[in-house]
Amino acid sequence: AVVNSSRNIRVYSRYEGHLSRVMGIIEDDLRRLARLADEHDLHFDFEQHEELKSDEIATLLRRVGHPRLNALFDFGNMINACEQPLPALANLAPFIRQVHLKGVRVVPEANGFGHYGVLQGSAEDQLPSARMLLELLLLGEQSPQVVAFILEQENHYIAPAFRQTGEASDPFIPYREMSETLLPSGYSLERMLTDEHRWANNQVRYLRGLLGELRLLAELALADH
């Protein structure tokens, strides 16, 4: 971080064990990060990365209670933790400083839900993207709370279910391997790289259009007062 002049760093956990034990390990890690943050003028933002639910992350951040430790909200990862997007956003709202925006198709599995990456704003995208973006833009009293909106056009990305319905009060959290998505059927690497460039531009256009609509609605609302 010092070499790259970076001050805002994403972190997430990858531990195995019962939830209570995993939460304890992560809390210790966060306290160490808090000391590093103070020493080096850094901010660490904890991403909800499928294995923890949003309220569990919020609980950890409240326990540590450090202004340089906050949250990164991903538009789709709560699906794999068996949560709904808007309630998950509400749970993390006091802590959100960074955001990953993407499109997702929800994939029902035996006792949970996975997700499949699609173009954000497309007919396949099942996330309430407009509502989530509005809620995130409104965070902060005197100034914007969110410092970075990161565009992740993860088309064809596959993420299986992680948390399950009907879990025990202290569920066992298995170790999560690094994800790996193979090229879609019929795709060469060259085609994928070309399409990714086009898909990235598509996401920029979609979000510019959405922001334009939100601005117009805000102007109309203000004109009524």
C-alpha atoms as a PDB file:
ATOM      1  CA  ALA A   1       0.000   0.000   0.000  1.00  0.00           C
ATOM      2  CA  VAL A   2       2.799   2.412   0.870  1.00  0.00           C
ATOM      3  CA  VAL A   3       4.683   1.619  -2.353  1.00  0.00           C
ATOM      4  CA  ASN A   4       1.546   2.124  -4.461  1.00  0.00           C
ATOM      5  CA  SER A   5       0.397   5.188  -2.503  1.00  0.00           C
ATOM      6  CA  SER A   6      -2.870   3.374  -1.767  1.00  0.00           C
ATOM      7  CA  ARG A   7      -4.914   4.385   1.258  1.00  0.00           C
ATOM      8  CA  ASN A   8      -8.130   2.399   0.754  1.00  0.00           C
ATOM      9  CA  ILE A   9      -7.709  -1.381   0.896  1.00  0.00           C
ATOM     10  CA  ARG A  10     -10.279  -4.136   0.438  1.00  0.00           C
ATOM     11  CA  VAL A  11     -10.059  -7.154   2.741  1.00  0.00           C
ATOM     12  CA  TYR A  12     -12.149 -10.272   3.267  1.00  0.00           C
ATOM     13  CA  SER A  13     -11.920 -13.446   5.328  1.00  0.00           C
ATOM     14  CA  ARG A  14     -11.231 -17.038   4.312  1.00  0.00           C
ATOM     15  CA  TYR A  15     -11.367 -19.193   7.449  1.00  0.00           C
ATOM     16  CA  GLU A  16     -12.871 -22.584   8.279  1.00  0.00           C
ATOM     17  CA  GLY A  17     -14.670 -23.524  11.464  1.00  0.00           C
ATOM     18  CA  HIS A  18     -17.860 -22.897  13.365  1.00  0.00           C
ATOM     19  CA  LEU A  19     -19.170 -19.379  12.893  1.00  0.00           C
ATOM     20  CA  SER A  20     -18.404 -18.298  16.470  1.00  0.00           C
ATOM     21  CA  ARG A  21     -14.757 -19.361  16.092  1.00  0.00           C
ATOM     22  CA  VAL A  22     -14.431 -17.753  12.657  1.00  0.00           C
ATOM     23  CA  MET A  23     -15.911 -14.508  13.989  1.00  0.00           C
ATOM     24  CA  GLY A  24     -13.366 -14.508  16.817  1.00  0.00           C
ATOM     25  CA  ILE A  25     -10.433 -15.001  14.449  1.00  0.00           C
ATOM     26  CA  ILE A  26     -11.668 -12.249  12.148  1.00  0.00           C
ATOM     27  CA  GLU A  27     -12.155  -9.869  15.067  1.00  0.00           C
ATOM     28  CA  ASP A  28      -8.521 -10.401  16.078  1.00  0.00           C
ATOM     29  CA  ASP A  29      -7.460  -9.739  12.478  1.00  0.00           C
ATOM     30  CA  LEU A  30      -9.510  -6.554  12.323  1.00  0.00           C
ATOM     31  CA  ARG A  31      -7.939  -5.260  15.527  1.00  0.00           C
ATOM     32  CA  ARG A  32      -4.489  -5.818  14.012  1.00  0.00           C
ATOM     33  CA  LEU A  33      -5.608  -4.005  10.864  1.00  0.00           C
ATOM     34  CA  ALA A  34      -6.832  -1.116  12.994  1.00  0.00           C
ATOM     35  CA  ARG A  35      -3.345  -0.691  14.433  1.00  0.00           C
ATOM     36  CA  LEU A  36      -1.812  -0.819  10.936  1.00  0.00           C
ATOM     37  CA  ALA A  37      -4.369   1.677   9.691  1.00  0.00           C
ATOM     38  CA  ASP A  38      -3.399   4.182  12.369  1.00  0.00           C
ATOM     39  CA  GLU A  39       0.322   3.629  11.851  1.00  0.00           C
ATOM     40  CA  HIS A  40       0.224   4.057   8.058  1.00  0.00           C
ATOM     41  CA  ASP A  41      -2.788   6.343   7.476  1.00  0.00           C
ATOM     42  CA  LEU A  42      -4.835   3.581   5.802  1.00  0.00           C
ATOM     43  CA  HIS A  43      -8.488   2.570   5.547  1.00  0.00           C
ATOM     44  CA  PHE A  44      -9.508  -1.104   5.413  1.00  0.00           C
ATOM     45  CA  ASP A  45     -12.924  -1.983   4.003  1.00  0.00           C
ATOM     46  CA  PHE A  46     -14.258  -5.482   4.721  1.00  0.00           C
ATOM     47  CA  GLU A  47     -16.125  -7.018   1.783  1.00  0.00           C
ATOM     48  CA  GLN A  48     -19.117  -9.291   2.341  1.00  0.00           C
ATOM     49  CA  HIS A  49     -17.568 -12.122   0.381  1.00  0.00           C
ATOM     50  CA  GLU A  50     -20.208 -14.879   0.485  1.00  0.00           C
ATOM     51  CA  GLU A  51     -19.188 -16.698   3.684  1.00  0.00           C
ATOM     52  CA  LEU A  52     -20.403 -14.092   6.187  1.00  0.00           C
ATOM     53  CA  LYS A  53     -23.828 -12.494   6.283  1.00  0.00           C
ATOM     54  CA  SER A  54     -24.137  -8.720   6.337  1.00  0.00           C
ATOM     55  CA  ASP A  55     -25.317  -8.546   9.951  1.00  0.00           C
ATOM     56  CA  GLU A  56     -22.357 -10.685  11.031  1.00  0.00           C
ATOM     57  CA  ILE A  57     -19.926  -8.266   9.369  1.00  0.00           C
ATOM     58  CA  ALA A  58     -21.732  -5.307  10.920  1.00  0.00           C
ATOM     59  CA  THR A  59     -21.436  -7.000  14.329  1.00  0.00           C
ATOM     60  CA  LEU A  60     -17.671  -7.400  13.874  1.00  0.00           C
ATOM     61  CA  LEU A  61     -17.210  -3.784  12.809  1.00  0.00           C
ATOM     62  CA  ARG A  62     -19.227  -2.570  15.796  1.00  0.00           C
ATOM     63  CA  ARG A  63     -17.180  -4.719  18.184  1.00  0.00           C
ATOM     64  CA  VAL A  64     -13.911  -3.302  16.905  1.00  0.00           C
ATOM     65  CA  GLY A  65     -15.386   0.185  16.617  1.00  0.00           C
ATOM     66  CA  HIS A  66     -12.559   1.810  14.671  1.00  0.00           C
ATOM     67  CA  PRO A  67     -13.197   4.678  12.207  1.00  0.00           C
ATOM     68  CA  ARG A  68     -10.636   3.312   9.733  1.00  0.00           C
ATOM     69  CA  LEU A  69     -12.352  -0.106   9.530  1.00  0.00           C
ATOM     70  CA  ASN A  70     -15.513  -0.154   7.443  1.00  0.00           C
ATOM     71  CA  ALA A  71     -17.268  -2.191   4.751  1.00  0.00           C
ATOM     72  CA  LEU A  72     -17.201  -2.803   1.021  1.00  0.00           C
ATOM     73  CA  PHE A  73     -20.658  -3.650  -0.304  1.00  0.00           C
ATOM     74  CA  ASP A  74     -20.836  -6.009  -3.288  1.00  0.00           C
ATOM     75  CA  PHE A  75     -24.068  -5.940  -5.298  1.00  0.00           C
ATOM     76  CA  GLY A  76     -24.295  -9.728  -5.625  1.00  0.00           C
ATOM     77  CA  ASN A  77     -22.335 -11.572  -2.941  1.00  0.00           C
ATOM     78  CA  MET A  78     -25.155 -11.543  -0.396  1.00  0.00           C
ATOM     79  CA  ILE A  79     -27.062 -13.934  -2.675  1.00  0.00           C
ATOM     80  CA  ASN A  80     -24.523 -16.687  -1.927  1.00  0.00           C
ATOM     81  CA  ALA A  81     -24.884 -15.978   1.792  1.00  0.00           C
ATOM     82  CA  CYS A  82     -28.645 -16.630   1.516  1.00  0.00           C
ATOM     83  CA  GLU A  83     -29.595 -12.967   1.886  1.00  0.00           C
ATOM     84  CA  GLN A  84     -31.667 -10.475  -0.090  1.00  0.00           C
ATOM     85  CA  PRO A  85     -29.923  -7.400  -1.576  1.00  0.00           C
ATOM     86  CA  LEU A  86     -31.822  -4.538   0.080  1.00  0.00           C
ATOM     87  CA  PRO A  87     -31.874  -5.958   3.640  1.00  0.00           C
ATOM     88  CA  ALA A  88     -28.158  -6.746   3.313  1.00  0.00           C
ATOM     89  CA  LEU A  89     -27.478  -3.176   2.212  1.00  0.00           C
ATOM     90  CA  ALA A  90     -29.492  -1.834   5.151  1.00  0.00           C
ATOM     91  CA  ASN A  91     -27.483  -3.947   7.614  1.00  0.00           C
ATOM     92  CA  LEU A  92     -24.153  -2.645   6.316  1.00  0.00           C
ATOM     93  CA  ALA A  93     -25.255   0.914   5.489  1.00  0.00           C
ATOM     94  CA  PRO A  94     -23.568   2.638   8.468  1.00  0.00           C
ATOM     95  CA  PHE A  95     -20.191   1.229   7.409  1.00  0.00           C
ATOM     96  CA  ILE A  96     -20.161   1.215   3.589  1.00  0.00           C
ATOM     97  CA  ARG A  97     -17.250   3.149   2.043  1.00  0.00           C
ATOM     98  CA  GLN A  98     -16.672   1.203  -1.183  1.00  0.00           C
ATOM     99  CA  VAL A  99     -19.035  -0.581  -3.563  1.00  0.00           C
ATOM    100  CA  HIS A 100     -18.723  -3.261  -6.270  1.00  0.00           C
ATOM    101  CA  LEU A 101     -21.423  -2.855  -8.936  1.00  0.00           C
ATOM    102  CA  LYS A 102     -22.361  -5.807 -11.146  1.00  0.00           C
ATOM    103  CA  GLY A 103     -25.260  -7.725 -12.658  1.00  0.00           C
ATOM    104  CA  VAL A 104     -26.433 -11.087 -11.325  1.00  0.00           C
ATOM    105  CA  ARG A 105     -28.860 -13.844 -12.201  1.00  0.00           C
ATOM    106  CA  VAL A 106     -29.910 -15.742  -9.074  1.00  0.00           C
ATOM    107  CA  VAL A 107     -29.375 -19.518  -9.328  1.00  0.00           C
ATOM    108  CA  PRO A 108     -31.477 -21.576  -6.868  1.00  0.00           C
ATOM    109  CA  GLU A 109     -29.629 -24.575  -5.427  1.00  0.00           C
ATOM    110  CA  ALA A 110     -30.638 -27.346  -3.030  1.00  0.00           C
ATOM    111  CA  ASN A 111     -30.457 -25.337   0.211  1.00  0.00           C
ATOM    112  CA  GLY A 112     -29.301 -21.933  -0.925  1.00  0.00           C
ATOM    113  CA  PHE A 113     -28.616 -19.680  -3.872  1.00  0.00           C
ATOM    114  CA  GLY A 114     -25.682 -19.183  -6.181  1.00  0.00           C
ATOM    115  CA  HIS A 115     -25.278 -16.455  -8.740  1.00  0.00           C
ATOM    116  CA  TYR A 116     -24.270 -16.202 -12.379  1.00  0.00           C
ATOM    117  CA  GLY A 117     -22.701 -13.020 -13.673  1.00  0.00           C
ATOM    118  CA  VAL A 118     -24.720 -11.166 -16.330  1.00  0.00           C
ATOM    119  CA  LEU A 119     -24.567  -7.715 -17.888  1.00  0.00           C
ATOM    120  CA  GLN A 120     -25.659  -5.129 -15.341  1.00  0.00           C
ATOM    121  CA  GLY A 121     -29.013  -3.621 -16.257  1.00  0.00           C
ATOM    122  CA  SER A 122     -29.822  -6.337 -18.804  1.00  0.00           C
ATOM    123  CA  ALA A 123     -33.056  -8.336 -18.869  1.00  0.00           C
ATOM    124  CA  GLU A 124     -31.208 -11.169 -17.091  1.00  0.00           C
ATOM    125  CA  ASP A 125     -30.046  -8.968 -14.199  1.00  0.00           C
ATOM    126  CA  GLN A 126     -32.248  -9.790 -11.193  1.00  0.00           C
ATOM    127  CA  LEU A 127     -30.754  -7.258  -8.780  1.00  0.00           C
ATOM    128  CA  PRO A 128     -32.565  -4.036  -7.788  1.00  0.00           C
ATOM    129  CA  SER A 129     -29.593  -2.056  -9.100  1.00  0.00           C
ATOM    130  CA  ALA A 130     -31.326   1.317  -9.410  1.00  0.00           C
ATOM    131  CA  ARG A 131     -32.688   1.208  -5.862  1.00  0.00           C
ATOM    132  CA  MET A 132     -29.374   0.023  -4.408  1.00  0.00           C
ATOM    133  CA  LEU A 133     -27.421   2.729  -6.226  1.00  0.00           C
ATOM    134  CA  LEU A 134     -29.843   5.387  -4.985  1.00  0.00           C
ATOM    135  CA  GLU A 135     -29.590   4.171  -1.387  1.00  0.00           C
ATOM    136  CA  LEU A 136     -25.789   4.179  -1.595  1.00  0.00           C
ATOM    137  CA  LEU A 137     -25.616   7.665  -3.100  1.00  0.00           C
ATOM    138  CA  LEU A 138     -27.750   8.975  -0.242  1.00  0.00           C
ATOM    139  CA  LEU A 139     -25.430   7.644   2.484  1.00  0.00           C
ATOM    140  CA  GLY A 140     -23.666  10.346   4.489  1.00  0.00           C
ATOM    141  CA  GLU A 141     -24.944  13.388   6.359  1.00  0.00           C
ATOM    142  CA  GLN A 142     -22.671  16.300   5.414  1.00  0.00           C
ATOM    143  CA  SER A 143     -20.675  14.624   2.631  1.00  0.00           C
ATOM    144  CA  PRO A 144     -20.893  11.400   0.574  1.00  0.00           C
ATOM    145  CA  GLN A 145     -20.124   8.346   2.697  1.00  0.00           C
ATOM    146  CA  VAL A 146     -19.126   6.114  -0.234  1.00  0.00           C
ATOM    147  CA  VAL A 147     -15.687   7.050  -1.577  1.00  0.00           C
ATOM    148  CA  ALA A 148     -15.493   4.563  -4.479  1.00  0.00           C
ATOM    149  CA  PHE A 149     -17.955   2.854  -6.813  1.00  0.00           C
ATOM    150  CA  ILE A 150     -16.060   0.056  -8.593  1.00  0.00           C
ATOM    151  CA  LEU A 151     -17.534  -1.370 -11.802  1.00  0.00           C
ATOM    152  CA  GLU A 152     -17.309  -5.177 -12.068  1.00  0.00           C
ATOM    153  CA  GLN A 153     -18.868  -6.477 -15.262  1.00  0.00           C
ATOM    154  CA  GLU A 154     -18.460 -10.167 -14.374  1.00  0.00           C
ATOM    155  CA  ASN A 155     -20.364 -11.664 -17.295  1.00  0.00           C
ATOM    156  CA  HIS A 156     -20.427 -15.514 -17.203  1.00  0.00           C
ATOM    157  CA  TYR A 157     -18.866 -15.626 -13.709  1.00  0.00           C
ATOM    158  CA  ILE A 158     -20.132 -18.603 -11.677  1.00  0.00           C
ATOM    159  CA  ALA A 159     -20.434 -18.417  -7.872  1.00  0.00           C
ATOM    160  CA  PRO A 160     -22.107 -21.363  -6.074  1.00  0.00           C
ATOM    161  CA  ALA A 161     -24.186 -21.122  -2.907  1.00  0.00           C
ATOM    162  CA  PHE A 162     -22.188 -20.834   0.306  1.00  0.00           C
ATOM    163  CA  ARG A 163     -24.516 -20.272   3.265  1.00  0.00           C
ATOM    164  CA  GLN A 164     -27.622 -22.423   3.522  1.00  0.00           C
ATOM    165  CA  THR A 165     -31.244 -22.118   4.553  1.00  0.00           C
ATOM    166  CA  GLY A 166     -32.111 -23.667   7.906  1.00  0.00           C
ATOM    167  CA  GLU A 167     -28.603 -23.379   9.329  1.00  0.00           C
ATOM    168  CA  ALA A 168     -27.800 -24.203  12.950  1.00  0.00           C
ATOM    169  CA  SER A 169     -27.283 -21.315  15.360  1.00  0.00           C
ATOM    170  CA  ASP A 170     -23.516 -21.775  15.077  1.00  0.00           C
ATOM    171  CA  PRO A 171     -23.063 -23.215  11.567  1.00  0.00           C
ATOM    172  CA  PHE A 172     -19.843 -24.722  10.308  1.00  0.00           C
ATOM    173  CA  ILE A 173     -18.159 -22.471   7.729  1.00  0.00           C
ATOM    174  CA  PRO A 174     -16.136 -24.578   5.271  1.00  0.00           C
ATOM    175  CA  TYR A 175     -12.934 -23.273   3.761  1.00  0.00           C
ATOM    176  CA  ARG A 176     -13.680 -21.450   0.531  1.00  0.00           C
ATOM    177  CA  GLU A 177     -11.245 -22.165  -2.275  1.00  0.00           C
ATOM    178  CA  MET A 178     -10.264 -19.428  -4.695  1.00  0.00           C
ATOM    179  CA  SER A 179     -12.945 -19.224  -7.370  1.00  0.00           C
ATOM    180  CA  GLU A 180     -12.173 -20.221 -10.929  1.00  0.00           C
ATOM    181  CA  THR A 181     -14.521 -19.814 -13.887  1.00  0.00           C
ATOM    182  CA  LEU A 182     -13.744 -21.575 -17.148  1.00  0.00           C
ATOM    183  CA  LEU A 183     -14.320 -19.926 -20.506  1.00  0.00           C
ATOM    184  CA  PRO A 184     -17.962 -20.266 -21.616  1.00  0.00           C
ATOM    185  CA  SER A 185     -18.724 -22.896 -24.228  1.00  0.00           C
ATOM    186  CA  GLY A 186     -17.658 -21.728 -27.676  1.00  0.00           C
ATOM    187  CA  TYR A 187     -15.432 -18.924 -26.359  1.00  0.00           C
ATOM    188  CA  SER A 188     -11.756 -18.538 -27.135  1.00  0.00           C
ATOM    189  CA  LEU A 189      -9.551 -16.408 -24.917  1.00  0.00           C
ATOM    190  CA  GLU A 190      -9.286 -13.827 -27.688  1.00  0.00           C
ATOM    191  CA  ARG A 191     -13.058 -13.561 -28.043  1.00  0.00           C
ATOM    192  CA  MET A 192     -13.498 -13.296 -24.279  1.00  0.00           C
ATOM    193  CA  LEU A 193     -10.985 -10.455 -24.015  1.00  0.00           C
ATOM    194  CA  THR A 194     -12.633  -8.601 -26.888  1.00  0.00           C
ATOM    195  CA  ASP A 195     -16.108  -9.046 -25.434  1.00  0.00           C
ATOM    196  CA  GLU A 196     -14.977  -7.989 -21.955  1.00  0.00           C
ATOM    197  CA  HIS A 197     -13.909  -4.630 -23.381  1.00  0.00           C
ATOM    198  CA  ARG A 198     -17.339  -4.223 -24.993  1.00  0.00           C
ATOM    199  CA  TRP A 199     -19.138  -5.348 -21.835  1.00  0.00           C
ATOM    200  CA  ALA A 200     -17.186  -2.839 -19.734  1.00  0.00           C
ATOM    201  CA  ASN A 201     -18.282  -0.033 -22.054  1.00  0.00           C
ATOM    202  CA  ASN A 202     -21.839  -1.354 -21.832  1.00  0.00           C
ATOM    203  CA  GLN A 203     -21.771  -1.065 -18.035  1.00  0.00           C
ATOM    204  CA  VAL A 204     -20.451   2.496 -18.182  1.00  0.00           C
ATOM    205  CA  ARG A 205     -23.274   3.469 -20.563  1.00  0.00           C
ATOM    206  CA  TYR A 206     -25.881   1.788 -18.380  1.00  0.00           C
ATOM    207  CA  LEU A 207     -24.721   3.541 -15.218  1.00  0.00           C
ATOM    208  CA  ARG A 208     -24.413   6.920 -16.910  1.00  0.00           C
ATOM    209  CA  GLY A 209     -27.982   6.542 -18.112  1.00  0.00           C
ATOM    210  CA  LEU A 210     -29.181   5.469 -14.666  1.00  0.00           C
ATOM    211  CA  LEU A 211     -27.412   8.370 -12.971  1.00  0.00           C
ATOM    212  CA  GLY A 212     -29.001  10.722 -15.486  1.00  0.00           C
ATOM    213  CA  GLU A 213     -32.448   9.383 -14.598  1.00  0.00           C
ATOM    214  CA  LEU A 214     -31.769   9.724 -10.859  1.00  0.00           C
ATOM    215  CA  ARG A 215     -30.572  13.291 -11.361  1.00  0.00           C
ATOM    216  CA  LEU A 216     -33.728  14.168 -13.304  1.00  0.00           C
ATOM    217  CA  LEU A 217     -35.925  12.676 -10.580  1.00  0.00           C
ATOM    218  CA  ALA A 218     -34.016  14.644  -7.930  1.00  0.00           C
ATOM    219  CA  GLU A 219     -34.432  17.887  -9.884  1.00  0.00           C
ATOM    220  CA  LEU A 220     -38.169  17.270 -10.297  1.00  0.00           C
ATOM    221  CA  ALA A 221     -38.537  16.505  -6.586  1.00  0.00           C
ATOM    222  CA  LEU A 222     -36.688  19.695  -5.620  1.00  0.00           C
ATOM    223  CA  ALA A 223     -38.788  21.741  -8.041  1.00  0.00           C
ATOM    224  CA  ASP A 224     -41.922  20.678  -6.148  1.00  0.00           C
ATOM    225  CA  HIS A 225     -40.685  22.347  -2.941  1.00  0.00           C
END
